Structures are given as C-alpha cells and as structure tokens.
Amino acid sequence: MLFLLAAGQMEEPPGKPLSCEEKEKLKEKLAFLKREYSKTLARLQRAQRAEKVKNSIKRTVEGQDSSLQQEVSTQLTHAVRRGKLAVDSKVYGSVVLCIFKKLYNLVTI
C-alpha cells in the first residue's frame, strides 16, 4: 500500500526504517516548514495589528468628524441668523458633506 505525501510523492507505508539521508531530508523539510510557518504567523499578526490601528483611527476620526460637524453647523447657523452669511441650506449641506468626506479620506489608511 502506498501513501500520498504533501509534496505529492508516493511513499512506502510506515514501518520501513529510514536511511540517514532520508532522515536528513525530512529534518530539512521540517525546518523549512517551521520557518515558513513563523513568517506566515508574523505576517498575520502584523495584519491584525494594522487592522486594529486602522479601526481605532477610523473610530477616532468619526468621533472628531461628528464633533467638528456639530461645531461648524452651530457656527454657520449663528452666522446665518445674524445675517452675516446668507447660505442656501442645500448648498450648506453639500459643502459640509464635502469637507467631511475630504477629511475622512485624508485620514483613512
């Protein structure tokens, strides 16, 4: 009976003693796979940390955008009421939305 290995090679069933050369090849393959696993794990951990930072920054920016939007809205509303600024509400909304989109795009990673 033959067994299929990960590399796609057919080998004799276990029980047959391995030669020193075969043992050395297996040790080298195991060492290689361990290195590859370590590299992959490190990449995964870096990606997870980057995702956490990105989400944290996104939440912070969204909070700041909300505060800034309220502040700008209040200031513009007071200016319009005092007659210092005459702005159509649709134009005002479009301008504010455009400003926040640009701010958000500058901060996103």
PDB file of N, CA and C in Angstrom:
ATOM      1  N   MET A   1       0.842  -1.165   0.000  1.00  0.00           N
ATOM      2  CA  MET A   1       0.000   0.000   0.000  1.00  0.00           C
ATOM      3  C   MET A   1       0.896   1.239   0.000  1.00  0.00           C
ATOM      4  N   LEU A   2       0.530   2.260  -0.792  1.00  0.00           N
ATOM      5  CA  LEU A   2       1.319   3.485  -0.902  1.00  0.00           C
ATOM      6  C   LEU A   2       0.561   4.639  -0.252  1.00  0.00           C
ATOM      7  N   PHE A   3       1.306   5.611   0.285  1.00  0.00           N
ATOM      8  CA  PHE A   3       0.715   6.791   0.897  1.00  0.00           C
ATOM      9  C   PHE A   3       1.121   8.024   0.119  1.00  0.00           C
ATOM     10  N   LEU A   4       0.190   9.004   0.042  1.00  0.00           N
ATOM     11  CA  LEU A   4       0.451  10.255  -0.672  1.00  0.00           C
ATOM     12  C   LEU A   4       0.938  11.293   0.332  1.00  0.00           C
ATOM     13  N   LEU A   5       2.118  11.861   0.093  1.00  0.00           N
ATOM     14  CA  LEU A   5       2.666  12.898   0.962  1.00  0.00           C
ATOM     15  C   LEU A   5       2.204  14.261   0.488  1.00  0.00           C
ATOM     16  N   ALA A   6       2.420  15.290   1.318  1.00  0.00           N
ATOM     17  CA  ALA A   6       2.012  16.653   0.990  1.00  0.00           C
ATOM     18  C   ALA A   6       2.661  17.142  -0.294  1.00  0.00           C
ATOM     19  N   ALA A   7       3.872  16.712  -0.575  1.00  0.00           N
ATOM     20  CA  ALA A   7       4.575  17.157  -1.776  1.00  0.00           C
ATOM     21  C   ALA A   7       4.059  16.442  -3.019  1.00  0.00           C
ATOM     22  N   GLY A   8       3.136  15.500  -2.845  1.00  0.00           N
ATOM     23  CA  GLY A   8       2.566  14.789  -3.984  1.00  0.00           C
ATOM     24  C   GLY A   8       3.358  13.561  -4.371  1.00  0.00           C
ATOM     25  N   GLN A   9       4.283  13.121  -3.541  1.00  0.00           N
ATOM     26  CA  GLN A   9       5.094  11.946  -3.857  1.00  0.00           C
ATOM     27  C   GLN A   9       4.471  10.713  -3.201  1.00  0.00           C
ATOM     28  N   MET A  10       4.640   9.591  -3.826  1.00  0.00           N
ATOM     29  CA  MET A  10       4.147   8.331  -3.266  1.00  0.00           C
ATOM     30  C   MET A  10       5.288   7.697  -2.482  1.00  0.00           C
ATOM     31  N   GLU A  11       4.981   7.240  -1.282  1.00  0.00           N
ATOM     32  CA  GLU A  11       5.985   6.616  -0.425  1.00  0.00           C
ATOM     33  C   GLU A  11       5.484   5.261   0.050  1.00  0.00           C
ATOM     34  N   GLU A  12       6.403   4.456   0.482  1.00  0.00           N
ATOM     35  CA  GLU A  12       6.066   3.158   1.055  1.00  0.00           C
ATOM     36  C   GLU A  12       5.395   3.386   2.411  1.00  0.00           C
ATOM     37  N   PRO A  13       4.588   2.462   2.885  1.00  0.00           N
ATOM     38  CA  PRO A  13       3.910   2.629   4.170  1.00  0.00           C
ATOM     39  C   PRO A  13       4.924   2.714   5.313  1.00  0.00           C
ATOM     40  N   PRO A  14       4.497   3.325   6.446  1.00  0.00           N
ATOM     41  CA  PRO A  14       5.401   3.445   7.582  1.00  0.00           C
ATOM     42  C   PRO A  14       5.811   2.064   8.103  1.00  0.00           C
ATOM     43  N   GLY A  15       6.915   2.042   8.782  1.00  0.00           N
ATOM     44  CA  GLY A  15       7.413   0.780   9.308  1.00  0.00           C
ATOM     45  C   GLY A  15       8.754   0.438   8.727  1.00  0.00           C
ATOM     46  N   LYS A  16       9.010   0.863   7.530  1.00  0.00           N
ATOM     47  CA  LYS A  16      10.301   0.637   6.893  1.00  0.00           C
ATOM     48  C   LYS A  16      11.287   1.662   7.457  1.00  0.00           C
ATOM     49  N   PRO A  17      12.427   1.263   7.962  1.00  0.00           N
ATOM     50  CA  PRO A  17      13.373   2.222   8.537  1.00  0.00           C
ATOM     51  C   PRO A  17      13.884   3.194   7.478  1.00  0.00           C
ATOM     52  N   LEU A  18      14.049   4.440   7.915  1.00  0.00           N
ATOM     53  CA  LEU A  18      14.534   5.485   7.015  1.00  0.00           C
ATOM     54  C   LEU A  18      16.058   5.519   7.018  1.00  0.00           C
ATOM     55  N   SER A  19      16.604   5.802   5.880  1.00  0.00           N
ATOM     56  CA  SER A  19      18.065   5.943   5.802  1.00  0.00           C
ATOM     57  C   SER A  19      18.452   7.289   6.420  1.00  0.00           C
ATOM     58  N   CYS A  20      19.730   7.449   6.698  1.00  0.00           N
ATOM     59  CA  CYS A  20      20.225   8.715   7.262  1.00  0.00           C
ATOM     60  C   CYS A  20      19.930   9.869   6.314  1.00  0.00           C
ATOM     61  N   GLU A  21      20.072   9.632   5.018  1.00  0.00           N
ATOM     62  CA  GLU A  21      19.811  10.670   4.026  1.00  0.00           C
ATOM     63  C   GLU A  21      18.334  11.088   4.046  1.00  0.00           C
ATOM     64  N   GLU A  22      17.446  10.094   4.131  1.00  0.00           N
ATOM     65  CA  GLU A  22      16.012  10.394   4.180  1.00  0.00           C
ATOM     66  C   GLU A  22      15.658  11.152   5.457  1.00  0.00           C
ATOM     67  N   LYS A  23      16.265  10.757   6.573  1.00  0.00           N
ATOM     68  CA  LYS A  23      16.019  11.454   7.832  1.00  0.00           C
ATOM     69  C   LYS A  23      16.493  12.901   7.738  1.00  0.00           C
ATOM     70  N   GLU A  24      17.640  13.108   7.124  1.00  0.00           N
ATOM     71  CA  GLU A  24      18.192  14.457   6.987  1.00  0.00           C
ATOM     72  C   GLU A  24      17.284  15.315   6.107  1.00  0.00           C
ATOM     73  N   LYS A  25      16.776  14.732   5.017  1.00  0.00           N
ATOM     74  CA  LYS A  25      15.864  15.468   4.132  1.00  0.00           C
ATOM     75  C   LYS A  25      14.594  15.853   4.887  1.00  0.00           C
ATOM     76  N   LEU A  26      14.077  14.932   5.688  1.00  0.00           N
ATOM     77  CA  LEU A  26      12.869  15.217   6.466  1.00  0.00           C
ATOM     78  C   LEU A  26      13.123  16.316   7.494  1.00  0.00           C
ATOM     79  N   LYS A  27      14.286  16.280   8.131  1.00  0.00           N
ATOM     80  CA  LYS A  27      14.626  17.325   9.096  1.00  0.00           C
ATOM     81  C   LYS A  27      14.714  18.685   8.412  1.00  0.00           C
ATOM     82  N   GLU A  28      15.328  18.713   7.221  1.00  0.00           N
ATOM     83  CA  GLU A  28      15.440  19.964   6.472  1.00  0.00           C
ATOM     84  C   GLU A  28      14.067  20.477   6.061  1.00  0.00           C
ATOM     85  N   LYS A  29      13.217  19.563   5.615  1.00  0.00           N
ATOM     86  CA  LYS A  29      11.865  19.946   5.202  1.00  0.00           C
ATOM     87  C   LYS A  29      11.083  20.476   6.404  1.00  0.00           C
ATOM     88  N   LEU A  30      11.223  19.820   7.551  1.00  0.00           N
ATOM     89  CA  LEU A  30      10.551  20.262   8.765  1.00  0.00           C
ATOM     90  C   LEU A  30      11.054  21.648   9.180  1.00  0.00           C
ATOM     91  N   ALA A  31      12.347  21.863   9.122  1.00  0.00           N
ATOM     92  CA  ALA A  31      12.917  23.165   9.470  1.00  0.00           C
ATOM     93  C   ALA A  31      12.394  24.246   8.522  1.00  0.00           C
ATOM     94  N   PHE A  32      12.334  23.916   7.230  1.00  0.00           N
ATOM     95  CA  PHE A  32      11.811  24.865   6.238  1.00  0.00           C
ATOM     96  C   PHE A  32      10.351  25.204   6.537  1.00  0.00           C
ATOM     97  N   LEU A  33       9.551  24.186   6.817  1.00  0.00           N
ATOM     98  CA  LEU A  33       8.130  24.412   7.103  1.00  0.00           C
ATOM     99  C   LEU A  33       7.943  25.229   8.383  1.00  0.00           C
ATOM    100  N   LYS A  34       8.788  25.001   9.380  1.00  0.00           N
ATOM    101  CA  LYS A  34       8.715  25.791  10.601  1.00  0.00           C
ATOM    102  C   LYS A  34       9.027  27.264  10.316  1.00  0.00           C
ATOM    103  N   ARG A  35      10.053  27.515   9.483  1.00  0.00           N
ATOM    104  CA  ARG A  35      10.391  28.900   9.122  1.00  0.00           C
ATOM    105  C   ARG A  35       9.244  29.556   8.372  1.00  0.00           C
ATOM    106  N   GLU A  36       8.676  28.825   7.427  1.00  0.00           N
ATOM    107  CA  GLU A  36       7.551  29.372   6.657  1.00  0.00           C
ATOM    108  C   GLU A  36       6.354  29.657   7.567  1.00  0.00           C
ATOM    109  N   TYR A  37       6.098  28.761   8.503  1.00  0.00           N
ATOM    110  CA  TYR A  37       5.001  28.958   9.442  1.00  0.00           C
ATOM    111  C   TYR A  37       5.252  30.216  10.277  1.00  0.00           C
ATOM    112  N   SER A  38       6.470  30.382  10.763  1.00  0.00           N
ATOM    113  CA  SER A  38       6.810  31.560  11.570  1.00  0.00           C
ATOM    114  C   SER A  38       6.617  32.844  10.770  1.00  0.00           C
ATOM    115  N   LYS A  39       7.059  32.840   9.518  1.00  0.00           N
ATOM    116  CA  LYS A  39       6.894  34.020   8.667  1.00  0.00           C
ATOM    117  C   LYS A  39       5.417  34.330   8.443  1.00  0.00           C
ATOM    118  N   THR A  40       4.637  33.287   8.164  1.00  0.00           N
ATOM    119  CA  THR A  40       3.209  33.464   7.916  1.00  0.00           C
ATOM    120  C   THR A  40       2.506  33.975   9.163  1.00  0.00           C
ATOM    121  N   LEU A  41       2.859  33.418  10.307  1.00  0.00           N
ATOM    122  CA  LEU A  41       2.278  33.863  11.571  1.00  0.00           C
ATOM    123  C   LEU A  41       2.621  35.328  11.834  1.00  0.00           C
ATOM    124  N   ALA A  42       3.858  35.708  11.591  1.00  0.00           N
ATOM    125  CA  ALA A  42       4.278  37.104  11.788  1.00  0.00           C
ATOM    126  C   ALA A  42       3.496  38.038  10.860  1.00  0.00           C
ATOM    127  N   ARG A  43       3.318  37.626   9.598  1.00  0.00           N
ATOM    128  CA  ARG A  43       2.531  38.449   8.657  1.00  0.00           C
ATOM    129  C   ARG A  43       1.095  38.596   9.135  1.00  0.00           C
ATOM    130  N   LEU A  44       0.509  37.508   9.600  1.00  0.00           N
ATOM    131  CA  LEU A  44      -0.866  37.539  10.097  1.00  0.00           C
ATOM    132  C   LEU A  44      -0.979  38.476  11.295  1.00  0.00           C
ATOM    133  N   GLN A  45      -0.041  38.379  12.222  1.00  0.00           N
ATOM    134  CA  GLN A  45      -0.078  39.235  13.404  1.00  0.00           C
ATOM    135  C   GLN A  45       0.098  40.703  13.034  1.00  0.00           C
ATOM    136  N   ARG A  46       0.991  40.994  12.079  1.00  0.00           N
ATOM    137  CA  ARG A  46       1.160  42.383  11.610  1.00  0.00           C
ATOM    138  C   ARG A  46      -0.135  42.896  10.987  1.00  0.00           C
ATOM    139  N   ALA A  47      -0.771  42.056  10.186  1.00  0.00           N
ATOM    140  CA  ALA A  47      -2.023  42.463   9.531  1.00  0.00           C
ATOM    141  C   ALA A  47      -3.116  42.715  10.570  1.00  0.00           C
ATOM    142  N   GLN A  48      -3.167  41.875  11.596  1.00  0.00           N
ATOM    143  CA  GLN A  48      -4.174  42.060  12.643  1.00  0.00           C
ATOM    144  C   GLN A  48      -3.913  43.344  13.423  1.00  0.00           C
ATOM    145  N   ARG A  49      -2.641  43.628  13.736  1.00  0.00           N
ATOM    146  CA  ARG A  49      -2.312  44.868  14.442  1.00  0.00           C
ATOM    147  C   ARG A  49      -2.653  46.082  13.580  1.00  0.00           C
ATOM    148  N   ALA A  50      -2.333  45.999  12.296  1.00  0.00           N
ATOM    149  CA  ALA A  50      -2.637  47.113  11.380  1.00  0.00           C
ATOM    150  C   ALA A  50      -4.145  47.339  11.301  1.00  0.00           C
ATOM    151  N   GLU A  51      -4.908  46.266  11.271  1.00  0.00           N
ATOM    152  CA  GLU A  51      -6.377  46.372  11.217  1.00  0.00           C
ATOM    153  C   GLU A  51      -6.909  47.026  12.494  1.00  0.00           C
ATOM    154  N   LYS A  52      -6.344  46.653  13.653  1.00  0.00           N
ATOM    155  CA  LYS A  52      -6.763  47.265  14.920  1.00  0.00           C
ATOM    156  C   LYS A  52      -6.479  48.766  14.916  1.00  0.00           C
ATOM    157  N   VAL A  53      -5.287  49.136  14.456  1.00  0.00           N
ATOM    158  CA  VAL A  53      -4.914  50.552  14.403  1.00  0.00           C
ATOM    159  C   VAL A  53      -5.838  51.292  13.447  1.00  0.00           C
ATOM    160  N   LYS A  54      -6.075  50.699  12.298  1.00  0.00           N
ATOM    161  CA  LYS A  54      -6.947  51.326  11.299  1.00  0.00           C
ATOM    162  C   LYS A  54      -8.339  51.562  11.874  1.00  0.00           C
ATOM    163  N   ASN A  55      -8.895  50.544  12.540  1.00  0.00           N
ATOM    164  CA  ASN A  55     -10.233  50.683  13.107  1.00  0.00           C
ATOM    165  C   ASN A  55     -10.255  51.713  14.230  1.00  0.00           C
ATOM    166  N   SER A  56      -9.208  51.749  15.030  1.00  0.00           N
ATOM    167  CA  SER A  56      -9.121  52.733  16.111  1.00  0.00           C
ATOM    168  C   SER A  56      -9.080  54.151  15.549  1.00  0.00           C
ATOM    169  N   ILE A  57      -8.255  54.345  14.533  1.00  0.00           N
ATOM    170  CA  ILE A  57      -8.162  55.662  13.899  1.00  0.00           C
ATOM    171  C   ILE A  57      -9.496  56.043  13.263  1.00  0.00           C
ATOM    172  N   LYS A  58     -10.126  55.072  12.632  1.00  0.00           N
ATOM    173  CA  LYS A  58     -11.416  55.334  11.983  1.00  0.00           C
ATOM    174  C   LYS A  58     -12.447  55.791  13.011  1.00  0.00           C
ATOM    175  N   ARG A  59     -12.503  55.092  14.169  1.00  0.00           N
ATOM    176  CA  ARG A  59     -13.459  55.477  15.215  1.00  0.00           C
ATOM    177  C   ARG A  59     -13.132  56.869  15.754  1.00  0.00           C
ATOM    178  N   THR A  60     -11.847  57.142  15.945  1.00  0.00           N
ATOM    179  CA  THR A  60     -11.435  58.451  16.451  1.00  0.00           C
ATOM    180  C   THR A  60     -11.834  59.551  15.472  1.00  0.00           C
ATOM    181  N   VAL A  61     -11.554  59.324  14.192  1.00  0.00           N
ATOM    182  CA  VAL A  61     -11.879  60.326  13.168  1.00  0.00           C
ATOM    183  C   VAL A  61     -13.384  60.519  13.073  1.00  0.00           C
ATOM    184  N   GLU A  62     -14.136  59.425  13.145  1.00  0.00           N
ATOM    185  CA  GLU A  62     -15.595  59.554  13.076  1.00  0.00           C
ATOM    186  C   GLU A  62     -16.113  60.379  14.250  1.00  0.00           C
ATOM    187  N   GLY A  63     -15.531  60.160  15.432  1.00  0.00           N
ATOM    188  CA  GLY A  63     -15.926  60.940  16.599  1.00  0.00           C
ATOM    189  C   GLY A  63     -15.564  62.405  16.440  1.00  0.00           C
ATOM    190  N   GLN A  64     -14.352  62.658  15.919  1.00  0.00           N
ATOM    191  CA  GLN A  64     -13.923  64.033  15.697  1.00  0.00           C
ATOM    192  C   GLN A  64     -14.752  64.694  14.608  1.00  0.00           C
ATOM    193  N   ASP A  65     -15.087  63.927  13.555  1.00  0.00           N
ATOM    194  CA  ASP A  65     -15.926  64.469  12.478  1.00  0.00           C
ATOM    195  C   ASP A  65     -17.275  64.890  13.020  1.00  0.00           C
ATOM    196  N   SER A  66     -17.830  64.055  13.885  1.00  0.00           N
ATOM    197  CA  SER A  66     -19.132  64.349  14.462  1.00  0.00           C
ATOM    198  C   SER A  66     -19.064  65.630  15.286  1.00  0.00           C
ATOM    199  N   SER A  67     -18.038  65.737  16.132  1.00  0.00           N
ATOM    200  CA  SER A  67     -17.870  66.938  16.963  1.00  0.00           C
ATOM    201  C   SER A  67     -17.636  68.161  16.089  1.00  0.00           C
ATOM    202  N   LEU A  68     -16.774  68.018  15.090  1.00  0.00           N
ATOM    203  CA  LEU A  68     -16.459  69.127  14.201  1.00  0.00           C
ATOM    204  C   LEU A  68     -17.695  69.547  13.415  1.00  0.00           C
ATOM    205  N   GLN A  69     -18.460  68.576  12.961  1.00  0.00           N
ATOM    206  CA  GLN A  69     -19.661  68.876  12.190  1.00  0.00           C
ATOM    207  C   GLN A  69     -20.644  69.661  13.051  1.00  0.00           C
ATOM    208  N   GLN A  70     -20.800  69.249  14.301  1.00  0.00           N
ATOM    209  CA  GLN A  70     -21.711  69.975  15.188  1.00  0.00           C
ATOM    210  C   GLN A  70     -21.221  71.404  15.415  1.00  0.00           C
ATOM    211  N   GLU A  71     -19.915  71.549  15.618  1.00  0.00           N
ATOM    212  CA  GLU A  71     -19.343  72.871  15.863  1.00  0.00           C
ATOM    213  C   GLU A  71     -19.509  73.769  14.639  1.00  0.00           C
ATOM    214  N   VAL A  72     -19.165  73.257  13.466  1.00  0.00           N
ATOM    215  CA  VAL A  72     -19.283  74.038  12.233  1.00  0.00           C
ATOM    216  C   VAL A  72     -20.739  74.378  11.971  1.00  0.00           C
ATOM    217  N   SER A  73     -21.609  73.407  12.190  1.00  0.00           N
ATOM    218  CA  SER A  73     -23.035  73.629  11.981  1.00  0.00           C
ATOM    219  C   SER A  73     -23.548  74.744  12.886  1.00  0.00           C
ATOM    220  N   THR A  74     -23.167  74.699  14.146  1.00  0.00           N
ATOM    221  CA  THR A  74     -23.598  75.726  15.103  1.00  0.00           C
ATOM    222  C   THR A  74     -23.076  77.096  14.704  1.00  0.00           C
ATOM    223  N   GLN A  75     -21.794  77.167  14.356  1.00  0.00           N
ATOM    224  CA  GLN A  75     -21.203  78.456  13.986  1.00  0.00           C
ATOM    225  C   GLN A  75     -21.845  79.024  12.722  1.00  0.00           C
ATOM    226  N   LEU A  76     -22.062  78.172  11.721  1.00  0.00           N
ATOM    227  CA  LEU A  76     -22.679  78.651  10.480  1.00  0.00           C
ATOM    228  C   LEU A  76     -24.127  79.056  10.708  1.00  0.00           C
ATOM    229  N   THR A  77     -24.829  78.296  11.542  1.00  0.00           N
ATOM    230  CA  THR A  77     -26.226  78.633  11.834  1.00  0.00           C
ATOM    231  C   THR A  77     -26.315  79.994  12.508  1.00  0.00           C
ATOM    232  N   HIS A  78     -25.430  80.243  13.478  1.00  0.00           N
ATOM    233  CA  HIS A  78     -25.416  81.537  14.162  1.00  0.00           C
ATOM    234  C   HIS A  78     -25.061  82.656  13.179  1.00  0.00           C
ATOM    235  N   ALA A  79     -24.104  82.403  12.302  1.00  0.00           N
ATOM    236  CA  ALA A  79     -23.705  83.419  11.326  1.00  0.00           C
ATOM    237  C   ALA A  79     -24.852  83.743  10.379  1.00  0.00           C
ATOM    238  N   VAL A  80     -25.578  82.708   9.943  1.00  0.00           N
ATOM    239  CA  VAL A  80     -26.706  82.918   9.030  1.00  0.00           C
ATOM    240  C   VAL A  80     -27.801  83.694   9.753  1.00  0.00           C
ATOM    241  N   ARG A  81     -28.072  83.317  11.002  1.00  0.00           N
ATOM    242  CA  ARG A  81     -29.132  84.008  11.770  1.00  0.00           C
ATOM    243  C   ARG A  81     -28.789  85.476  12.024  1.00  0.00           C
ATOM    244  N   ARG A  82     -27.525  85.761  12.215  1.00  0.00           N
ATOM    245  CA  ARG A  82     -27.098  87.144  12.453  1.00  0.00           C
ATOM    246  C   ARG A  82     -27.054  87.937  11.143  1.00  0.00           C
ATOM    247  N   GLY A  83     -27.242  87.241  10.035  1.00  0.00           N
ATOM    248  CA  GLY A  83     -27.257  87.928   8.753  1.00  0.00           C
ATOM    249  C   GLY A  83     -25.877  88.147   8.170  1.00  0.00           C
ATOM    250  N   LYS A  84     -24.874  87.581   8.810  1.00  0.00           N
ATOM    251  CA  LYS A  84     -23.515  87.763   8.305  1.00  0.00           C
ATOM    252  C   LYS A  84     -23.211  86.824   7.150  1.00  0.00           C
ATOM    253  N   LEU A  85     -24.033  85.798   7.019  1.00  0.00           N
ATOM    254  CA  LEU A  85     -23.768  84.816   5.987  1.00  0.00           C
ATOM    255  C   LEU A  85     -25.099  84.337   5.429  1.00  0.00           C
ATOM    256  N   ALA A  86     -25.288  84.475   4.157  1.00  0.00           N
ATOM    257  CA  ALA A  86     -26.517  84.005   3.524  1.00  0.00           C
ATOM    258  C   ALA A  86     -26.177  82.781   2.698  1.00  0.00           C
ATOM    259  N   VAL A  87     -26.607  81.624   3.182  1.00  0.00           N
ATOM    260  CA  VAL A  87     -26.286  80.375   2.502  1.00  0.00           C
ATOM    261  C   VAL A  87     -27.553  79.556   2.347  1.00  0.00           C
ATOM    262  N   ASP A  88     -27.781  79.073   1.153  1.00  0.00           N
ATOM    263  CA  ASP A  88     -28.893  78.170   0.906  1.00  0.00           C
ATOM    264  C   ASP A  88     -28.644  76.866   1.667  1.00  0.00           C
ATOM    265  N   SER A  89     -29.665  76.284   2.264  1.00  0.00           N
ATOM    266  CA  SER A  89     -29.479  75.097   3.101  1.00  0.00           C
ATOM    267  C   SER A  89     -28.932  73.915   2.308  1.00  0.00           C
ATOM    268  N   LYS A  90     -29.313  73.781   1.050  1.00  0.00           N
ATOM    269  CA  LYS A  90     -28.791  72.673   0.237  1.00  0.00           C
ATOM    270  C   LYS A  90     -27.306  72.863  -0.029  1.00  0.00           C
ATOM    271  N   VAL A  91     -26.913  74.096  -0.314  1.00  0.00           N
ATOM    272  CA  VAL A  91     -25.506  74.392  -0.564  1.00  0.00           C
ATOM    273  C   VAL A  91     -24.709  74.167   0.713  1.00  0.00           C
ATOM    274  N   TYR A  92     -25.235  74.638   1.832  1.00  0.00           N
ATOM    275  CA  TYR A  92     -24.574  74.461   3.128  1.00  0.00           C
ATOM    276  C   TYR A  92     -24.359  72.972   3.414  1.00  0.00           C
ATOM    277  N   GLY A  93     -25.395  72.179   3.240  1.00  0.00           N
ATOM    278  CA  GLY A  93     -25.279  70.734   3.483  1.00  0.00           C
ATOM    279  C   GLY A  93     -24.262  70.090   2.564  1.00  0.00           C
ATOM    280  N   SER A  94     -24.256  70.487   1.316  1.00  0.00           N
ATOM    281  CA  SER A  94     -23.301  69.928   0.354  1.00  0.00           C
ATOM    282  C   SER A  94     -21.871  70.295   0.705  1.00  0.00           C
ATOM    283  N   VAL A  95     -21.667  71.538   1.123  1.00  0.00           N
ATOM    284  CA  VAL A  95     -20.324  71.996   1.481  1.00  0.00           C
ATOM    285  C   VAL A  95     -19.822  71.236   2.701  1.00  0.00           C
ATOM    286  N   VAL A  96     -20.651  71.114   3.716  1.00  0.00           N
ATOM    287  CA  VAL A  96     -20.253  70.414   4.935  1.00  0.00           C
ATOM    288  C   VAL A  96     -19.951  68.954   4.626  1.00  0.00           C
ATOM    289  N   LEU A  97     -20.806  68.319   3.849  1.00  0.00           N
ATOM    290  CA  LEU A  97     -20.594  66.919   3.491  1.00  0.00           C
ATOM    291  C   LEU A  97     -19.292  66.749   2.717  1.00  0.00           C
ATOM    292  N   CYS A  98     -19.022  67.624   1.798  1.00  0.00           N
ATOM    293  CA  CYS A  98     -17.791  67.568   1.007  1.00  0.00           C
ATOM    294  C   CYS A  98     -16.567  67.729   1.902  1.00  0.00           C
ATOM    295  N   ILE A  99     -16.631  68.661   2.841  1.00  0.00           N
ATOM    296  CA  ILE A  99     -15.499  68.883   3.761  1.00  0.00           C
ATOM    297  C   ILE A  99     -15.228  67.627   4.566  1.00  0.00           C
ATOM    298  N   PHE A 100     -16.261  67.009   5.097  1.00  0.00           N
ATOM    299  CA  PHE A 100     -16.058  65.829   5.933  1.00  0.00           C
ATOM    300  C   PHE A 100     -15.579  64.631   5.131  1.00  0.00           C
ATOM    301  N   LYS A 101     -16.039  64.497   3.928  1.00  0.00           N
ATOM    302  CA  LYS A 101     -15.544  63.405   3.087  1.00  0.00           C
ATOM    303  C   LYS A 101     -14.053  63.576   2.818  1.00  0.00           C
ATOM    304  N   LYS A 102     -13.643  64.811   2.543  1.00  0.00           N
ATOM    305  CA  LYS A 102     -12.224  65.060   2.283  1.00  0.00           C
ATOM    306  C   LYS A 102     -11.393  64.819   3.534  1.00  0.00           C
ATOM    307  N   LEU A 103     -11.873  65.241   4.681  1.00  0.00           N
ATOM    308  CA  LEU A 103     -11.168  64.986   5.934  1.00  0.00           C
ATOM    309  C   LEU A 103     -11.042  63.497   6.186  1.00  0.00           C
ATOM    310  N   TYR A 104     -12.119  62.774   5.980  1.00  0.00           N
ATOM    311  CA  TYR A 104     -12.108  61.340   6.224  1.00  0.00           C
ATOM    312  C   TYR A 104     -11.139  60.636   5.270  1.00  0.00           C
ATOM    313  N   ASN A 105     -11.129  61.038   4.017  1.00  0.00           N
ATOM    314  CA  ASN A 105     -10.231  60.417   3.034  1.00  0.00           C
ATOM    315  C   ASN A 105      -8.773  60.723   3.347  1.00  0.00           C
ATOM    316  N   LEU A 106      -8.480  61.857   3.927  1.00  0.00           N
ATOM    317  CA  LEU A 106      -7.109  62.190   4.282  1.00  0.00           C
ATOM    318  C   LEU A 106      -6.595  61.321   5.416  1.00  0.00           C
ATOM    319  N   VAL A 107      -7.477  60.899   6.304  1.00  0.00           N
ATOM    320  CA  VAL A 107      -7.054  60.168   7.488  1.00  0.00           C
ATOM    321  C   VAL A 107      -7.109  58.663   7.299  1.00  0.00           C
ATOM    322  N   THR A 108      -7.947  58.172   6.399  1.00  0.00           N
ATOM    323  CA  THR A 108      -8.052  56.723   6.232  1.00  0.00           C
ATOM    324  C   THR A 108      -6.768  56.150   5.704  1.00  0.00           C
ATOM    325  N   ILE A 109      -6.534  54.914   6.121  1.00  0.00           N
ATOM    326  CA  ILE A 109      -5.288  54.225   5.760  1.00  0.00           C
ATOM    327  C   ILE A 109      -5.537  53.344   4.564  1.00  0.00           C
TER     328      ILE A 109
END
